[in-house]
């Protein structure tokens, strides 16, 4: 009888090993809390420096498309995300009756370069232009290019809505769409929410889109794309806050006086024989000796 092969145990191992390509952790988007009317409780606060956004009424924005009322057929329609911003599929951009009923004044199409979808969207945009609507497109050669287009799409949406408000006294209404209305166009709308509202991060932006349009699909790639764009926005806001006079934090010495960080550039007159002035300041008052020479 053959002897059994001994099993080796590794006490230092804390988890089992897997034979797959390393992947980043999943980004979980929890559903928003519901109020007594079974509607998501999502609050929005526009950036204070924008007079146009501060004039928008955000009260009860999640009212028309409660999750409990969602039906499968509504995926072919567009839904209101903000009072002036709609998200939907290409079929909504072709619906002349709906465009007139909702008083849409601008359409923004997100399409893939060289795909059949791109040629079909040309006809949709021509029809929208014949109705007197302002038309914009975003042409992408790959999903990762979407993050580079976020600043431009945000400016297009914001400028159209604000300029219509200034010239006509009414909000301009923009429909953002792609072939399904669930992927690339949803990412554009989520990025706009993050960039124009001070209390909306990438998680809250996805929650708001899904609360209004339940069929939206934020896959792992899109989630990480929005997370990366949120990090960029946070860095820009930090730099902007510091440039307008916010005090920088500095280290404090034991006597209470503030001093800056130790400079990486040494002065020309530092002591070449021993330690420089920075090291004297660091080791002053220490009585221990780290190394002692033993007699031979």
Protein backbone atom coordinates (compact mmCIF):
# COMPACT_ATOMS: atom_id res chain seq x y z
CA UNK A 1 0.00 0.00 0.00
CA UNK A 2 1.44 3.34 -1.05
CA UNK A 3 2.15 5.75 1.75
CA UNK A 4 0.11 8.92 1.85
CA UNK A 5 1.77 12.12 0.73
CA UNK A 6 2.27 14.35 3.78
CA UNK A 7 0.40 17.63 3.78
CA UNK A 8 2.48 20.72 4.35
CA UNK A 9 1.00 23.40 6.59
CA UNK A 10 2.03 27.04 6.37
CA UNK A 11 1.15 28.82 9.61
CA UNK A 12 1.94 32.23 8.09
CA UNK A 13 -0.72 31.91 5.39
CA UNK A 14 -3.87 33.84 6.27
CA UNK A 15 -5.96 33.14 3.16
CA UNK A 16 -6.19 30.62 0.36
CA UNK A 17 -4.34 31.20 -2.88
CA UNK A 18 -6.10 31.50 -6.22
CA UNK A 19 -4.76 31.05 -9.73
CA UNK A 20 -6.21 34.08 -11.52
CA UNK A 21 -5.11 37.47 -12.75
CA UNK A 22 -4.94 39.98 -9.86
CA UNK A 23 -7.91 42.36 -10.00
CA UNK A 24 -8.81 45.45 -7.96
CA UNK A 25 -11.54 45.11 -5.34
CA UNK A 26 -15.13 45.44 -6.43
CA UNK A 27 -16.82 48.82 -5.98
CA UNK A 28 -20.18 48.25 -4.33
CA UNK A 29 -22.89 50.86 -4.89
CA UNK A 30 -25.46 50.43 -2.10
CA UNK A 31 -29.05 51.46 -2.81
CA UNK A 32 -30.05 54.81 -1.31
CA UNK A 33 -32.33 54.94 1.71
CA UNK A 34 -36.06 55.27 1.02
CA UNK A 35 -38.41 57.73 2.64
CA UNK A 36 -42.01 57.12 3.72
CA UNK A 37 -43.18 57.42 0.10
CA UNK A 38 -40.74 54.69 -1.01
CA UNK A 39 -38.64 57.27 -2.86
CA UNK A 40 -34.83 57.48 -2.56
CA UNK A 41 -33.67 60.23 -0.22
CA UNK A 42 -30.95 61.98 -2.23
CA UNK A 43 -30.05 65.61 -1.54
CA UNK A 44 -28.09 67.86 -3.89
CA UNK A 45 -26.17 71.07 -3.21
CA UNK A 46 -24.76 72.91 -6.19
CA UNK A 47 -21.34 74.52 -6.10
CA UNK A 48 -21.66 77.92 -4.46
CA UNK A 49 -19.75 79.78 -7.16
CA UNK A 50 -22.40 78.91 -9.76
CA UNK A 51 -25.33 81.35 -9.73
CA UNK A 52 -27.17 79.31 -12.36
CA UNK A 53 -27.10 76.03 -10.43
CA UNK A 54 -28.11 77.74 -7.20
CA UNK A 55 -31.32 78.90 -8.89
CA UNK A 56 -32.38 75.33 -9.75
CA UNK A 57 -35.03 73.79 -7.51
CA UNK A 58 -33.72 70.43 -6.30
CA UNK A 59 -36.61 69.65 -3.97
CA UNK A 60 -38.06 66.20 -4.56
CA UNK A 61 -36.10 65.57 -7.75
CA UNK A 62 -36.67 61.81 -7.42
CA UNK A 63 -40.44 61.77 -7.81
CA UNK A 64 -41.39 60.60 -11.28
CA UNK A 65 -39.42 57.37 -11.51
CA UNK A 66 -39.68 55.58 -8.19
CA UNK A 67 -38.04 52.16 -8.18
CA UNK A 68 -41.27 50.48 -7.16
CA UNK A 69 -43.00 51.84 -10.27
CA UNK A 70 -40.30 50.78 -12.72
CA UNK A 71 -41.34 48.56 -15.63
CA UNK A 72 -39.18 46.82 -18.21
CA UNK A 73 -40.61 48.86 -21.08
CA UNK A 74 -39.34 52.12 -19.56
CA UNK A 75 -35.80 51.28 -20.62
CA UNK A 76 -36.81 52.48 -24.11
CA UNK A 77 -37.75 55.90 -22.69
CA UNK A 78 -35.61 58.71 -21.25
CA UNK A 79 -35.80 59.73 -17.60
CA UNK A 80 -35.20 63.06 -15.90
CA UNK A 81 -32.08 63.06 -13.72
CA UNK A 82 -32.14 66.81 -12.95
CA UNK A 83 -34.83 69.37 -13.82
CA UNK A 84 -32.83 70.21 -16.96
CA UNK A 85 -30.94 66.96 -17.62
CA UNK A 86 -32.36 63.75 -19.09
CA UNK A 87 -30.78 60.34 -19.69
CA UNK A 88 -32.04 57.81 -22.18
CA UNK A 89 -31.48 55.61 -25.25
CA UNK A 90 -31.22 56.55 -28.91
CA UNK A 91 -34.89 55.73 -29.43
CA UNK A 92 -35.83 58.64 -27.15
CA UNK A 93 -33.76 61.02 -29.27
CA UNK A 94 -35.81 59.94 -32.29
CA UNK A 95 -39.18 60.42 -30.57
CA UNK A 96 -40.32 63.78 -31.93
CA UNK A 97 -43.49 63.85 -29.81
CA UNK A 98 -41.53 63.23 -26.60
CA UNK A 99 -38.89 65.85 -27.47
CA UNK A 100 -41.60 68.47 -27.97
CA UNK A 101 -43.57 67.43 -24.87
CA UNK A 102 -40.54 67.65 -22.58
CA UNK A 103 -39.33 70.86 -24.28
CA UNK A 104 -35.88 69.40 -25.00
CA UNK A 105 -33.58 72.06 -26.45
CA UNK A 106 -30.31 70.12 -26.85
CA UNK A 107 -29.21 66.54 -27.47
CA UNK A 108 -25.78 65.10 -26.64
CA UNK A 109 -24.94 61.75 -28.24
CA UNK A 110 -22.14 59.47 -27.01
CA UNK A 111 -21.08 56.99 -29.69
CA UNK A 112 -18.33 54.57 -30.68
CA UNK A 113 -16.08 55.49 -33.60
CA UNK A 114 -16.41 53.31 -36.65
CA UNK A 115 -19.37 51.35 -35.33
CA UNK A 116 -22.75 50.89 -37.01
CA UNK A 117 -24.22 52.81 -34.10
CA UNK A 118 -22.24 55.88 -35.19
CA UNK A 119 -23.82 55.90 -38.68
CA UNK A 120 -27.31 55.39 -37.26
CA UNK A 121 -26.80 58.25 -34.81
CA UNK A 122 -26.03 60.62 -37.69
CA UNK A 123 -29.62 60.26 -38.86
CA UNK A 124 -30.90 60.86 -35.32
CA UNK A 125 -28.87 64.04 -35.00
CA UNK A 126 -30.04 65.29 -38.39
CA UNK A 127 -33.63 64.81 -37.32
CA UNK A 128 -32.99 66.64 -34.04
CA UNK A 129 -31.31 69.52 -35.89
CA UNK A 130 -34.34 69.76 -38.22
CA UNK A 131 -36.47 70.30 -35.09
CA UNK A 132 -34.28 73.26 -34.14
CA UNK A 133 -32.40 71.48 -31.34
CA UNK A 134 -28.75 72.09 -30.54
CA UNK A 135 -26.73 68.94 -31.25
CA UNK A 136 -23.41 67.71 -29.81
CA UNK A 137 -21.59 64.39 -30.08
CA UNK A 138 -18.79 62.58 -28.28
CA UNK A 139 -16.88 60.10 -30.46
CA UNK A 140 -14.92 57.45 -28.59
CA UNK A 141 -12.52 54.79 -29.85
CA UNK A 142 -12.57 52.94 -26.52
CA UNK A 143 -14.19 53.04 -23.07
CA UNK A 144 -11.09 54.52 -21.43
CA UNK A 145 -11.32 57.62 -23.63
CA UNK A 146 -14.52 58.57 -21.84
CA UNK A 147 -12.68 60.06 -18.86
CA UNK A 148 -10.90 62.53 -21.16
CA UNK A 149 -14.24 63.75 -22.52
CA UNK A 150 -15.85 64.41 -19.12
CA UNK A 151 -14.69 68.06 -18.78
CA UNK A 152 -15.91 68.91 -22.30
CA UNK A 153 -19.32 67.26 -21.87
CA UNK A 154 -19.82 68.98 -18.52
CA UNK A 155 -19.10 72.37 -20.11
CA UNK A 156 -21.49 71.65 -22.99
CA UNK A 157 -24.34 70.70 -20.65
CA UNK A 158 -23.73 73.57 -18.24
CA UNK A 159 -23.29 76.25 -20.90
CA UNK A 160 -26.41 75.31 -22.80
CA UNK A 161 -28.66 75.26 -19.73
CA UNK A 162 -27.24 78.50 -18.31
CA UNK A 163 -27.27 80.42 -21.61
CA UNK A 164 -30.89 79.48 -22.26
CA UNK A 165 -31.71 80.72 -18.78
CA UNK A 166 -30.02 84.05 -19.48
CA UNK A 167 -31.56 84.60 -22.92
CA UNK A 168 -35.09 83.19 -22.51
CA UNK A 169 -35.56 83.07 -18.75
CA UNK A 170 -36.23 79.31 -18.91
CA UNK A 171 -33.97 76.36 -18.33
CA UNK A 172 -32.49 74.71 -21.37
CA UNK A 173 -33.14 70.96 -21.28
CA UNK A 174 -30.51 68.49 -22.45
CA UNK A 175 -30.94 64.84 -23.38
CA UNK A 176 -27.77 62.76 -23.03
CA UNK A 177 -28.06 59.46 -24.88
CA UNK A 178 -26.17 56.53 -26.35
CA UNK A 179 -27.45 53.40 -28.07
CA UNK A 180 -28.92 51.87 -24.88
CA UNK A 181 -28.84 54.85 -22.53
CA UNK A 182 -27.39 52.58 -19.84
CA UNK A 183 -23.60 52.75 -20.16
CA UNK A 184 -21.51 55.51 -21.75
CA UNK A 185 -24.19 58.21 -21.56
CA UNK A 186 -24.84 57.27 -17.92
CA UNK A 187 -21.14 57.80 -17.20
CA UNK A 188 -21.29 61.28 -18.78
CA UNK A 189 -24.28 62.23 -16.60
CA UNK A 190 -22.65 60.84 -13.43
CA UNK A 191 -19.46 62.82 -14.15
CA UNK A 192 -21.54 66.00 -14.61
CA UNK A 193 -23.22 65.46 -11.23
CA UNK A 194 -19.85 65.06 -9.52
CA UNK A 195 -18.29 68.12 -11.14
CA UNK A 196 -21.14 70.57 -10.54
CA UNK A 197 -22.32 69.58 -7.03
CA UNK A 198 -20.26 69.82 -3.89
CA UNK A 199 -21.85 66.89 -2.01
CA UNK A 200 -21.90 64.30 -4.83
CA UNK A 201 -19.09 61.76 -5.06
CA UNK A 202 -18.91 58.91 -7.56
CA UNK A 203 -21.05 56.60 -5.39
CA UNK A 204 -23.82 59.17 -4.93
CA UNK A 205 -23.74 60.09 -8.62
CA UNK A 206 -24.31 56.46 -9.62
CA UNK A 207 -27.06 56.13 -7.00
CA UNK A 208 -28.93 59.12 -8.42
CA UNK A 209 -28.72 57.82 -11.99
CA UNK A 210 -29.92 54.37 -10.96
CA UNK A 211 -32.72 55.80 -8.82
CA UNK A 212 -34.14 57.64 -11.83
CA UNK A 213 -33.23 55.14 -14.54
CA UNK A 214 -33.22 51.71 -12.91
CA UNK A 215 -31.80 49.89 -15.96
CA UNK A 216 -28.51 51.84 -15.90
CA UNK A 217 -25.52 49.50 -15.96
CA UNK A 218 -22.33 50.69 -14.25
CA UNK A 219 -19.92 47.82 -14.77
CA UNK A 220 -16.61 47.50 -12.90
CA UNK A 221 -14.72 49.39 -15.61
CA UNK A 222 -17.12 52.34 -15.51
CA UNK A 223 -17.10 52.39 -11.71
CA UNK A 224 -13.31 52.60 -11.60
CA UNK A 225 -13.40 55.25 -14.34
CA UNK A 226 -15.75 57.43 -12.25
CA UNK A 227 -13.72 56.76 -9.11
CA UNK A 228 -10.58 57.96 -10.89
CA UNK A 229 -12.35 61.07 -12.15
CA UNK A 230 -13.60 61.78 -8.62
CA UNK A 231 -10.01 61.64 -7.35
CA UNK A 232 -9.03 64.16 -10.05
CA UNK A 233 -11.87 66.49 -9.04
CA UNK A 234 -10.88 66.28 -5.37
CA UNK A 235 -7.29 67.16 -6.22
CA UNK A 236 -8.38 70.14 -8.33
CA UNK A 237 -10.65 71.45 -5.58
CA UNK A 238 -7.88 71.12 -3.01
CA UNK A 239 -5.48 73.11 -5.18
CA UNK A 240 -8.15 75.74 -5.87
CA UNK A 241 -8.93 76.08 -2.16
CA UNK A 242 -5.26 76.59 -1.32
CA UNK A 243 -4.76 79.15 -4.08
CA UNK A 244 -7.46 81.48 -2.71
CA UNK A 245 -5.84 81.91 0.66
CA UNK A 246 -6.54 78.84 2.73
CA UNK A 247 -3.67 78.37 5.23
CA UNK A 248 -1.37 75.44 4.75
CA UNK A 249 -0.71 73.17 7.68
CA UNK A 250 2.86 73.37 8.97
CA UNK A 251 4.68 71.40 11.59
CA UNK A 252 5.03 72.99 15.02
CA UNK A 253 8.21 72.99 17.09
CA UNK A 254 8.07 72.14 20.84
CA UNK A 255 8.09 75.84 21.79
CA UNK A 256 4.97 76.48 19.69
CA UNK A 257 6.64 78.26 16.76
CA UNK A 258 5.69 77.05 13.33
CA UNK A 259 8.35 75.90 10.96
CA UNK A 260 8.25 74.49 7.45
CA UNK A 261 9.41 71.12 6.26
CA UNK A 262 13.10 70.34 6.10
CA UNK A 263 14.46 71.56 2.78
CA UNK A 264 15.94 69.06 0.37
CA UNK A 265 18.42 71.61 -0.94
CA UNK A 266 21.49 72.13 1.27
CA UNK A 267 23.18 75.47 1.75
CA UNK A 268 26.63 75.91 0.31
CA UNK A 269 28.13 76.72 3.69
CA UNK A 270 27.07 73.57 5.52
CA UNK A 271 29.67 71.82 7.64
CA UNK A 272 31.53 69.32 5.45
CA UNK A 273 33.36 67.62 8.32
CA UNK A 274 30.43 66.42 10.35
CA UNK A 275 26.75 67.02 10.54
CA UNK A 276 24.94 70.02 9.09
CA UNK A 277 22.67 72.39 11.00
CA UNK A 278 19.57 70.34 10.23
CA UNK A 279 21.10 67.25 11.83
CA UNK A 280 22.26 69.27 14.82
CA UNK A 281 18.67 70.38 15.37
CA UNK A 282 17.43 66.81 15.06
CA UNK A 283 19.94 65.16 17.43
CA UNK A 284 20.39 68.00 19.91
CA UNK A 285 19.67 66.84 23.46
CA UNK A 286 19.95 63.12 22.78
CA UNK A 287 22.27 61.24 25.13
CA UNK A 288 22.18 57.72 23.69
CA UNK A 289 24.85 56.36 21.36
CA UNK A 290 23.53 54.05 18.64
CA UNK A 291 26.86 52.22 18.08
CA UNK A 292 29.78 51.59 20.42
CA UNK A 293 33.20 50.34 19.24
CA UNK A 294 34.32 47.30 21.21
CA UNK A 295 38.03 46.96 22.07
CA UNK A 296 40.03 44.62 19.87
